[in-house]
Protein backbone atom coordinates (compact mmCIF):
# COMPACT_ATOMS: atom_id res chain seq x y z
CA UNK A 1 0.24 0.03 0.06
CA UNK A 2 1.28 3.50 -1.12
CA UNK A 3 1.96 6.04 1.40
CA UNK A 4 -0.79 8.92 1.68
CA UNK A 5 1.39 12.33 1.26
CA UNK A 6 0.14 15.42 2.82
CA UNK A 7 1.30 19.11 2.10
CA UNK A 8 0.18 21.57 4.43
CA UNK A 9 0.50 25.35 4.48
CA UNK A 10 0.10 26.77 7.94
CA UNK A 11 1.15 23.57 9.89
CA UNK A 12 2.25 26.08 12.96
CA UNK A 13 -0.77 28.27 12.74
CA UNK A 14 -3.90 27.97 14.96
CA UNK A 15 -6.28 25.76 12.36
CA UNK A 16 -3.38 24.10 10.64
CA UNK A 17 -1.77 22.98 13.73
CA UNK A 18 -4.91 21.23 15.23
CA UNK A 19 -5.65 19.95 11.76
CA UNK A 20 -2.32 18.23 11.48
CA UNK A 21 -2.42 16.74 14.93
CA UNK A 22 -5.73 15.52 13.97
CA UNK A 23 -4.67 14.05 10.79
CA UNK A 24 -1.75 12.22 12.48
CA UNK A 25 -3.66 10.46 15.17
CA UNK A 26 -5.66 9.15 12.47
CA UNK A 27 -2.93 8.48 9.81
CA UNK A 28 0.34 8.25 11.56
CA UNK A 29 2.26 6.55 8.97
CA UNK A 30 1.29 9.06 6.41
CA UNK A 31 4.67 11.12 4.85
CA UNK A 32 3.88 14.89 5.75
CA UNK A 33 5.32 17.83 4.41
CA UNK A 34 5.21 21.11 5.98
CA UNK A 35 5.94 24.65 4.58
CA UNK A 36 7.09 26.57 7.37
CA UNK A 37 8.76 30.31 7.29
CA UNK A 38 12.06 29.78 9.12
CA UNK A 39 14.19 26.98 10.50
CA UNK A 40 13.18 27.36 14.20
CA UNK A 41 9.47 26.73 13.15
CA UNK A 42 10.97 23.36 10.98
CA UNK A 43 12.89 22.73 14.35
CA UNK A 44 9.53 23.04 16.41
CA UNK A 45 7.57 21.10 14.54
CA UNK A 46 10.46 18.35 13.98
CA UNK A 47 10.81 18.32 17.96
CA UNK A 48 6.71 18.13 18.44
CA UNK A 49 5.97 15.14 15.79
CA UNK A 50 7.69 12.03 15.98
CA UNK A 51 6.55 10.97 12.77
CA UNK A 52 7.19 10.91 9.04
CA UNK A 53 7.45 14.97 8.69
CA UNK A 54 9.36 16.61 6.29
CA UNK A 55 9.72 20.77 6.24
CA UNK A 56 10.35 23.16 3.37
CA UNK A 57 11.61 26.73 4.20
CA UNK A 58 9.24 29.26 2.26
CA UNK A 59 6.24 31.67 2.77
CA UNK A 60 2.70 32.26 0.71
CA UNK A 61 5.20 34.00 -2.16
CA UNK A 62 7.67 31.10 -2.52
CA UNK A 63 5.45 29.86 -5.95
CA UNK A 64 8.29 27.71 -7.18
CA UNK A 65 8.38 25.55 -3.55
CA UNK A 66 4.51 25.48 -3.19
CA UNK A 67 3.99 24.22 -7.19
CA UNK A 68 6.88 21.63 -6.39
CA UNK A 69 5.60 20.27 -3.32
CA UNK A 70 1.77 20.23 -4.46
CA UNK A 71 2.50 18.07 -7.21
CA UNK A 72 4.26 15.34 -4.88
CA UNK A 73 1.02 15.24 -2.27
CA UNK A 74 -1.99 13.27 -2.35
CA UNK A 75 -3.67 15.93 -0.20
CA UNK A 76 -3.21 19.40 -0.12
CA UNK A 77 -4.44 21.76 3.06
CA UNK A 78 -4.13 25.45 3.04
CA UNK A 79 -4.48 26.51 6.70
CA UNK A 80 -2.25 29.39 6.12
CA UNK A 81 -4.15 32.38 4.38
CA UNK A 82 -7.65 32.76 3.07
CA UNK A 83 -7.03 35.61 0.98
CA UNK A 84 -3.46 35.07 -0.37
CA UNK A 85 -4.47 34.96 -4.44
CA UNK A 86 -0.86 34.00 -6.02
CA UNK A 87 -0.26 31.20 -3.69
CA UNK A 88 -4.03 29.83 -4.88
CA UNK A 89 -2.91 30.30 -8.57
CA UNK A 90 0.32 28.24 -7.64
CA UNK A 91 -1.65 25.48 -6.07
CA UNK A 92 -4.29 25.73 -9.08
CA UNK A 93 -1.40 25.15 -11.92
CA UNK A 94 0.65 21.79 -9.88
CA UNK A 95 -3.17 20.41 -9.34
CA UNK A 96 -4.72 20.60 -12.67
CA UNK A 97 -1.21 19.22 -14.16
CA UNK A 98 -1.81 16.00 -12.13
CA UNK A 99 -2.87 12.70 -13.44
CA UNK A 100 -3.68 10.82 -9.87
CA UNK A 101 -6.27 11.87 -7.63
CA UNK A 102 -5.77 14.93 -5.12
CA UNK A 103 -7.51 16.41 -2.45
CA UNK A 104 -7.16 20.24 -1.89
CA UNK A 105 -8.84 21.69 0.96
CA UNK A 106 -9.12 25.39 1.57
CA UNK A 107 -10.04 27.54 4.76
CA UNK A 108 -11.85 30.41 4.40
CA UNK A 109 -13.93 32.26 7.06
CA UNK A 110 -17.90 32.79 7.64
CA UNK A 111 -16.72 36.91 7.09
CA UNK A 112 -17.85 36.06 3.96
CA UNK A 113 -21.20 36.31 4.60
CA UNK A 114 -21.29 38.58 7.09
CA UNK A 115 -23.53 41.65 6.54
CA UNK A 116 -22.57 45.17 7.62
CA UNK A 117 -21.25 46.97 10.49
CA UNK A 118 -24.16 49.68 9.42
CA UNK A 119 -27.10 48.71 11.45
CA UNK A 120 -29.46 49.97 8.64
CA UNK A 121 -27.71 47.22 6.25
CA UNK A 122 -27.78 44.14 8.61
CA UNK A 123 -29.81 41.08 8.68
CA UNK A 124 -29.77 39.81 11.90
CA UNK A 125 -32.40 36.89 11.28
CA UNK A 126 -30.40 35.76 8.05
CA UNK A 127 -28.85 32.02 9.12
CA UNK A 128 -27.01 31.09 6.26
CA UNK A 129 -26.96 27.04 4.96
CA UNK A 130 -24.23 25.60 3.08
CA UNK A 131 -26.78 23.36 1.53
CA UNK A 132 -29.59 25.18 1.00
CA UNK A 133 -28.05 28.62 0.23
CA UNK A 134 -25.61 27.71 -1.72
CA UNK A 135 -26.34 29.44 -4.77
CA UNK A 136 -26.39 32.60 -2.82
CA UNK A 137 -22.96 32.12 -1.10
CA UNK A 138 -21.30 31.23 -4.54
CA UNK A 139 -22.94 34.70 -5.99
CA UNK A 140 -21.91 36.94 -3.04
CA UNK A 141 -20.17 39.95 -4.47
CA UNK A 142 -16.37 40.30 -4.72
CA UNK A 143 -16.17 42.64 -2.25
CA UNK A 144 -16.86 40.42 0.39
CA UNK A 145 -13.91 39.22 2.94
CA UNK A 146 -12.28 36.00 1.29
CA UNK A 147 -14.65 35.37 -1.60
CA UNK A 148 -11.95 36.21 -4.43
CA UNK A 149 -10.18 33.56 -2.35
CA UNK A 150 -13.18 31.17 -2.55
CA UNK A 151 -14.06 31.98 -6.17
CA UNK A 152 -10.79 31.05 -7.67
CA UNK A 153 -10.52 27.33 -5.47
CA UNK A 154 -13.86 26.71 -6.99
CA UNK A 155 -12.28 26.44 -10.29
CA UNK A 156 -10.08 23.95 -9.41
CA UNK A 157 -12.26 21.04 -10.11
CA UNK A 158 -13.85 22.33 -13.05
CA UNK A 159 -10.06 22.68 -14.67
CA UNK A 160 -9.35 18.87 -13.65
CA UNK A 161 -10.76 15.40 -13.65
CA UNK A 162 -8.50 14.03 -10.73
CA UNK A 163 -9.01 17.21 -8.08
CA UNK A 164 -11.25 17.15 -5.48
CA UNK A 165 -11.87 20.47 -3.54
CA UNK A 166 -13.54 21.40 -0.40
CA UNK A 167 -13.88 24.76 1.00
CA UNK A 168 -14.02 24.70 5.00
CA UNK A 169 -15.56 28.03 6.54
CA UNK A 170 -15.53 28.34 10.36
CA UNK A 171 -17.27 31.49 12.05
CA UNK A 172 -15.63 32.39 15.50
CA UNK A 173 -13.39 29.65 16.99
CA UNK A 174 -12.85 29.08 20.28
CA UNK A 175 -10.67 26.80 22.54
CA UNK A 176 -7.16 26.21 23.19
CA UNK A 177 -6.03 23.83 19.98
CA UNK A 178 -3.60 20.81 19.95
CA UNK A 179 -1.24 22.50 17.42
CA UNK A 180 2.17 23.30 17.84
CA UNK A 181 2.88 26.96 17.86
CA UNK A 182 0.01 29.18 17.77
CA UNK A 183 -2.84 27.79 19.94
CA UNK A 184 -5.67 30.63 20.17
CA UNK A 185 -8.09 32.08 18.18
CA UNK A 186 -8.37 35.60 16.79
CA UNK A 187 -11.58 37.29 17.83
CA UNK A 188 -12.17 36.59 21.39
CA UNK A 189 -7.97 36.89 22.43
CA UNK A 190 -7.83 40.15 20.21
CA UNK A 191 -10.81 41.70 21.80
CA UNK A 192 -9.82 40.95 25.29
CA UNK A 193 -5.92 42.27 24.89
CA UNK A 194 -7.32 45.28 23.30
CA UNK A 195 -9.64 45.76 26.47
CA UNK A 196 -6.53 45.27 28.67
CA UNK A 197 -4.70 48.38 26.82
CA UNK A 198 -7.48 50.42 26.61
CA UNK A 199 -9.02 49.67 30.03
CA UNK A 200 -12.42 48.95 29.37
CA UNK A 201 -14.48 47.10 27.01
CA UNK A 202 -16.65 48.16 23.72
CA UNK A 203 -19.40 47.03 21.44
CA UNK A 204 -19.99 48.28 17.89
CA UNK A 205 -22.98 50.45 18.51
CA UNK A 206 -25.46 48.35 21.11
CA UNK A 207 -23.67 45.35 20.37
CA UNK A 208 -26.58 43.45 19.20
CA UNK A 209 -24.85 41.50 16.28
CA UNK A 210 -24.55 37.59 16.25
CA UNK A 211 -21.90 35.29 15.03
CA UNK A 212 -21.94 31.37 15.29
CA UNK A 213 -19.24 29.41 16.58
CA UNK A 214 -17.16 26.67 16.72
CA UNK A 215 -14.62 24.54 18.99
CA UNK A 216 -11.37 24.33 17.24
CA UNK A 217 -11.30 20.32 17.90
CA UNK A 218 -14.61 20.05 16.13
CA UNK A 219 -13.10 22.10 13.35
CA UNK A 220 -10.47 19.97 12.98
CA UNK A 221 -12.45 16.58 13.12
CA UNK A 222 -14.22 18.29 10.13
CA UNK A 223 -10.92 18.42 7.87
CA UNK A 224 -9.97 14.71 9.02
CA UNK A 225 -13.69 13.44 7.93
CA UNK A 226 -13.29 15.09 4.37
CA UNK A 227 -9.68 13.29 4.01
CA UNK A 228 -11.13 10.44 5.37
CA UNK A 229 -13.87 10.02 2.77
CA UNK A 230 -11.43 11.00 0.03
CA UNK A 231 -8.81 8.30 0.84
CA UNK A 232 -11.68 5.65 1.07
CA UNK A 233 -12.97 6.94 -2.16
CA UNK A 234 -16.35 7.55 -0.58
CA UNK A 235 -18.59 10.43 -2.17
CA UNK A 236 -18.85 13.71 -0.75
CA UNK A 237 -19.60 17.03 -1.85
CA UNK A 238 -16.65 18.35 -3.92
CA UNK A 239 -16.37 21.67 -6.15
CA UNK A 240 -19.35 24.25 -6.39
CA UNK A 241 -21.26 22.28 -3.95
CA UNK A 242 -18.28 21.31 -1.54
CA UNK A 243 -18.51 24.51 0.51
CA UNK A 244 -18.42 23.42 4.46
CA UNK A 245 -19.69 25.68 7.11
CA UNK A 246 -18.73 24.66 10.69
CA UNK A 247 -20.76 25.58 13.28
CA UNK A 248 -22.46 24.38 16.69
CA UNK A 249 -24.70 25.69 19.37
CA UNK A 250 -26.48 28.98 19.44
CA UNK A 251 -25.01 32.43 17.85
CA UNK A 252 -23.93 34.60 20.64
CA UNK A 253 -24.04 38.13 20.46
CA UNK A 254 -21.06 40.19 20.85
CA UNK A 255 -22.54 42.48 23.63
CA UNK A 256 -22.67 39.37 25.59
CA UNK A 257 -19.25 38.37 24.96
CA UNK A 258 -17.87 41.78 25.88
CA UNK A 259 -19.88 41.67 28.78
CA UNK A 260 -18.37 38.12 29.67
CA UNK A 261 -14.64 39.41 28.70
CA UNK A 262 -14.86 42.68 30.77
CA UNK A 263 -16.11 40.89 33.75
CA UNK A 264 -13.21 38.24 33.92
CA UNK A 265 -10.72 41.22 33.04
CA UNK A 266 -11.55 42.73 36.49
CA UNK A 267 -11.80 39.25 38.13
CA UNK A 268 -8.42 38.71 37.30
CA UNK A 269 -7.28 42.36 38.14
CA UNK A 270 -5.64 42.63 34.22
CA UNK A 271 -8.35 45.96 34.23
CA UNK A 272 -10.09 48.11 36.85
CA UNK A 273 -13.33 49.08 35.20
CA UNK A 274 -16.07 47.15 33.65
CA UNK A 275 -17.25 50.00 31.71
CA UNK A 276 -18.33 49.32 28.44
CA UNK A 277 -18.60 51.96 25.86
CA UNK A 278 -20.99 51.70 22.54
CA UNK A 279 -18.47 53.00 19.68
CA UNK A 280 -19.04 53.41 15.96
CA UNK A 281 -16.51 51.39 13.60
CA UNK A 282 -14.24 54.21 13.33
CA UNK A 283 -13.79 54.48 17.00
CA UNK A 284 -13.30 50.82 17.32
CA UNK A 285 -10.42 51.26 14.93
CA UNK A 286 -8.90 54.40 16.35
CA UNK A 287 -9.29 53.78 20.40
CA UNK A 288 -9.05 49.95 20.30
CA UNK A 289 -7.06 49.49 16.64
CA UNK A 290 -9.30 46.61 15.79
CA UNK A 291 -11.55 45.86 12.65
CA UNK A 292 -15.17 46.61 13.58
CA UNK A 293 -16.50 43.83 11.43
CA UNK A 294 -15.35 41.18 13.45
CA UNK A 295 -17.55 42.31 16.33
CA UNK A 296 -19.79 44.63 14.75
CA UNK A 297 -21.78 42.47 11.78
CA UNK A 298 -23.62 39.11 11.53
CA UNK A 299 -22.37 35.95 10.34
CA UNK A 300 -24.91 33.17 11.48
CA UNK A 301 -24.34 29.71 9.57
CA UNK A 302 -25.48 26.02 9.57
CA UNK A 303 -23.24 23.42 9.31
CA UNK A 304 -25.60 21.39 7.30
CA UNK A 305 -23.42 20.01 4.65
CA UNK A 306 -20.61 18.37 7.18
CA UNK A 307 -23.63 16.81 8.83
CA UNK A 308 -24.92 15.40 5.93
CA UNK A 309 -21.73 13.42 5.49
CA UNK A 310 -21.10 12.56 9.40
CA UNK A 311 -19.68 15.52 11.15
CA UNK A 312 -20.72 15.77 14.71
CA UNK A 313 -19.58 18.66 16.81
CA UNK A 314 -18.91 17.35 20.08
CA UNK A 315 -17.26 20.53 22.10
CA UNK A 316 -19.38 23.29 20.36
CA UNK A 317 -22.27 23.95 22.76
CA UNK A 318 -23.24 27.35 23.90
CA UNK A 319 -21.98 26.13 27.96
CA UNK A 320 -18.29 25.14 26.27
CA UNK A 321 -18.35 28.48 24.36
CA UNK A 322 -18.94 30.35 27.32
CA UNK A 323 -16.99 28.49 29.90
CA UNK A 324 -14.27 28.53 27.33
CA UNK A 325 -13.79 32.37 27.57
CA UNK A 326 -12.44 31.66 30.81
CA UNK A 327 -10.07 28.96 29.76
CA UNK A 328 -8.59 31.10 27.01
CA UNK A 329 -7.91 34.31 29.17
CA UNK A 330 -6.15 32.30 31.66
CA UNK A 331 -4.20 30.35 29.32
CA UNK A 332 -3.32 33.90 27.44
CA UNK A 333 -2.53 35.16 30.78
CA UNK A 334 0.08 32.40 31.47
CA UNK A 335 1.62 32.51 28.20
CA UNK A 336 2.53 36.45 28.69
CA UNK A 337 -0.16 37.56 25.70
CA UNK A 338 -1.37 40.58 27.60
CA UNK A 339 2.08 41.97 28.26
CA UNK A 340 3.15 41.96 24.79
CA UNK A 341 3.70 39.70 21.77
CA UNK A 342 2.12 35.88 22.05
CA UNK A 343 5.09 33.96 22.78
CA UNK A 344 5.56 30.29 21.18
CA UNK A 345 4.07 27.80 23.41
């Protein structure tokens, strides 16, 4: 039996690390090639993984390196960027030249369906299904986050008889990952860090905007499930129909998150005030240095497609989401996140 070969971009990142961890648990004999930016990151991965791991030094602009290693792989996972078009063009060039079955998984994000930071343009009741609303999702304007990358990836399968593709589009991700370097997400950690710098919390306008959420472990399971389907040559939605949201529980409101984070930061003596200011998007950027779309828009999703192929989120309940905020803040405090740059851990 031939050895399965995986080429992964973003192996030391939050999502990529969890996916690689889960993949190696299920396929310990696979040969992994990881694109990493520095020798230090290569050494970190090799120390953490006692397996058949090869590293290549480069970044998303190392197009020749990317093309060469895509050509060697049975499975290619991009968990490094959901917007970098030149690297995706290089991946496409290599994929469509292949003669053997290959799976490509792109990491996108539910920001693609985020409505607006302008309350007059919001649609808080809209919940996107990756089955019922797939035509609408695939017709979103190019101005939406990640949309250009999504559109490009969906041409891969059209251009090849041997390539299968899946786009995985997570909403707010929570939980400390089992990865190898960066172990925490973006939205809640960034919010907490900005609050500690400014000294109080905020909402974008009234804060009555909602995002879905998923635990990092459940997200990793979805990648591995699609890989399993591919390796067993079982049918799974691919190409135009292969757009997978990942979500569990009930969408959270950003006002409730701001209140919870602020309360915990006061309890842990990281700030002294639980004040929450209602700010407009420009003020959020000016005072907190944050893009308001992350906390001031609606992005509610149903993960119907993943569930159709057997994905069952186990850690993404409402209870776990709210409890995890304290777990993450404790972890971030322990690793020095609030004191400066996040340390490798």
